[in-house]
C-alpha atoms as a PDB file:
ATOM      1  CA  THR A   1      36.691  55.271 -72.761  1.00  0.00           C
ATOM      2  CA  GLY A   2      40.020  52.827 -71.838  1.00  0.00           C
ATOM      3  CA  GLY A   3      37.590  49.965 -70.101  1.00  0.00           C
ATOM      4  CA  ASP A   4      36.487  49.600 -73.517  1.00  0.00           C
ATOM      5  CA  ASP A   5      39.655  48.863 -75.551  1.00  0.00           C
ATOM      6  CA  VAL A   6      40.212  45.908 -73.051  1.00  0.00           C
ATOM      7  CA  ARG A   7      36.097  44.346 -73.645  1.00  0.00           C
ATOM      8  CA  GLU A   8      37.007  44.496 -77.111  1.00  0.00           C
ATOM      9  CA  SER A   9      39.658  42.544 -77.050  1.00  0.00           C
ATOM     10  CA  GLU A  10      38.350  40.092 -75.436  1.00  0.00           C
ATOM     11  CA  GLU A  11      35.730  39.581 -77.870  1.00  0.00           C
ATOM     12  CA  GLU A  12      38.667  39.471 -80.414  1.00  0.00           C
ATOM     13  CA  LYS A  13      40.543  36.790 -78.445  1.00  0.00           C
ATOM     14  CA  GLU A  14      37.336  34.871 -78.605  1.00  0.00           C
ATOM     15  CA  THR A  15      36.507  34.742 -81.964  1.00  0.00           C
ATOM     16  CA  SER A  16      40.377  34.022 -83.202  1.00  0.00           C
ATOM     17  CA  GLU A  17      39.536  30.733 -80.509  1.00  0.00           C
ATOM     18  CA  GLU A  18      36.718  30.184 -82.228  1.00  0.00           C
ATOM     19  CA  GLU A  19      37.920  30.160 -85.826  1.00  0.00           C
ATOM     20  CA  GLU A  20      41.226  27.983 -85.225  1.00  0.00           C
ATOM     21  CA  VAL A  21      38.449  25.403 -83.882  1.00  0.00           C
ATOM     22  CA  SER A  22      36.583  26.055 -87.160  1.00  0.00           C
ATOM     23  CA  PHE A  23      39.538  25.612 -88.952  1.00  0.00           C
ATOM     24  CA  ASP A  24      40.935  22.475 -87.315  1.00  0.00           C
ATOM     25  CA  PRO A  25      43.106  19.874 -89.707  1.00  0.00           C
ATOM     26  CA  ILE A  26      40.077  17.061 -89.688  1.00  0.00           C
ATOM     27  CA  PRO A  27      42.498  14.230 -89.669  1.00  0.00           C
ATOM     28  CA  ARG A  28      41.417  12.529 -92.527  1.00  0.00           C
ATOM     29  CA  THR A  29      42.178   9.644 -94.776  1.00  0.00           C
ATOM     30  CA  PRO A  30      44.199   8.445 -97.330  1.00  0.00           C
ATOM     31  CA  GLU A  31      40.397   7.725 -99.380  1.00  0.00           C
ATOM     32  CA  ASP A  32      39.208  10.850 -98.221  1.00  0.00           C
ATOM     33  CA  SER A  33      41.845  12.715 -99.782  1.00  0.00           C
ATOM     34  CA  LYS A  34      41.789  10.692-103.244  1.00  0.00           C
ATOM     35  CA  LYS A  35      38.772  10.268-102.994  1.00  0.00           C
ATOM     36  CA  GLU A  36      38.869  14.788-103.254  1.00  0.00           C
ATOM     37  CA  SER A  37      40.950  15.009-105.914  1.00  0.00           C
ATOM     38  CA  ASP A  38      38.749  12.884-107.787  1.00  0.00           C
ATOM     39  CA  ASP A  39      36.296  15.268-107.574  1.00  0.00           C
ATOM     40  CA  GLU A  40      38.276  18.398-108.094  1.00  0.00           C
ATOM     41  CA  GLU A  41      39.791  16.207-111.760  1.00  0.00           C
ATOM     42  CA  GLU A  42      35.533  16.240-111.633  1.00  0.00           C
ATOM     43  CA  GLN A  43      34.932  19.498-111.843  1.00  0.00           C
ATOM     44  CA  GLU A  44      38.265  20.553-113.813  1.00  0.00           C
ATOM     45  CA  SER A  45      36.726  18.772-116.169  1.00  0.00           C
ATOM     46  CA  ARG A  46      33.672  20.115-116.146  1.00  0.00           C
ATOM     47  CA  LEU A  47      34.476  23.991-116.621  1.00  0.00           C
ATOM     48  CA  SER A  48      36.720  23.132-119.178  1.00  0.00           C
ATOM     49  CA  GLU A  49      33.681  21.431-121.144  1.00  0.00           C
ATOM     50  CA  GLU A  50      31.259  24.750-120.683  1.00  0.00           C
ATOM     51  CA  ALA A  51      34.134  26.926-121.575  1.00  0.00           C
ATOM     52  CA  ARG A  52      34.770  24.606-125.134  1.00  0.00           C
ATOM     53  CA  ILE A  53      30.728  24.929-125.217  1.00  0.00           C
ATOM     54  CA  ARG A  54      30.674  28.459-125.050  1.00  0.00           C
ATOM     55  CA  GLU A  55      33.343  28.647-127.594  1.00  0.00           C
ATOM     56  CA  GLU A  56      31.179  26.633-130.285  1.00  0.00           C
ATOM     57  CA  GLU A  57      28.554  28.579-129.482  1.00  0.00           C
ATOM     58  CA  ASP A  58      30.506  32.325-130.254  1.00  0.00           C
ATOM     59  CA  ALA A  59      31.862  30.999-132.971  1.00  0.00           C
ATOM     60  CA  GLU A  60      28.633  30.154-134.218  1.00  0.00           C
ATOM     61  CA  GLU A  61      27.139  33.349-133.565  1.00  0.00           C
END
């Protein structure tokens, strides 16, 4: 059974290395990060609009 442990830890090493690569911070230009924050703001305003609409619907009932 000792051999299984070795094989398992090697597999774990491989996957953690793969994850590190995929989570590599992509160098962004200031424009990209600005655009992203705009998108987040848009999403938030959309969510608050939806919440407002739901509240209005609840009030009508």
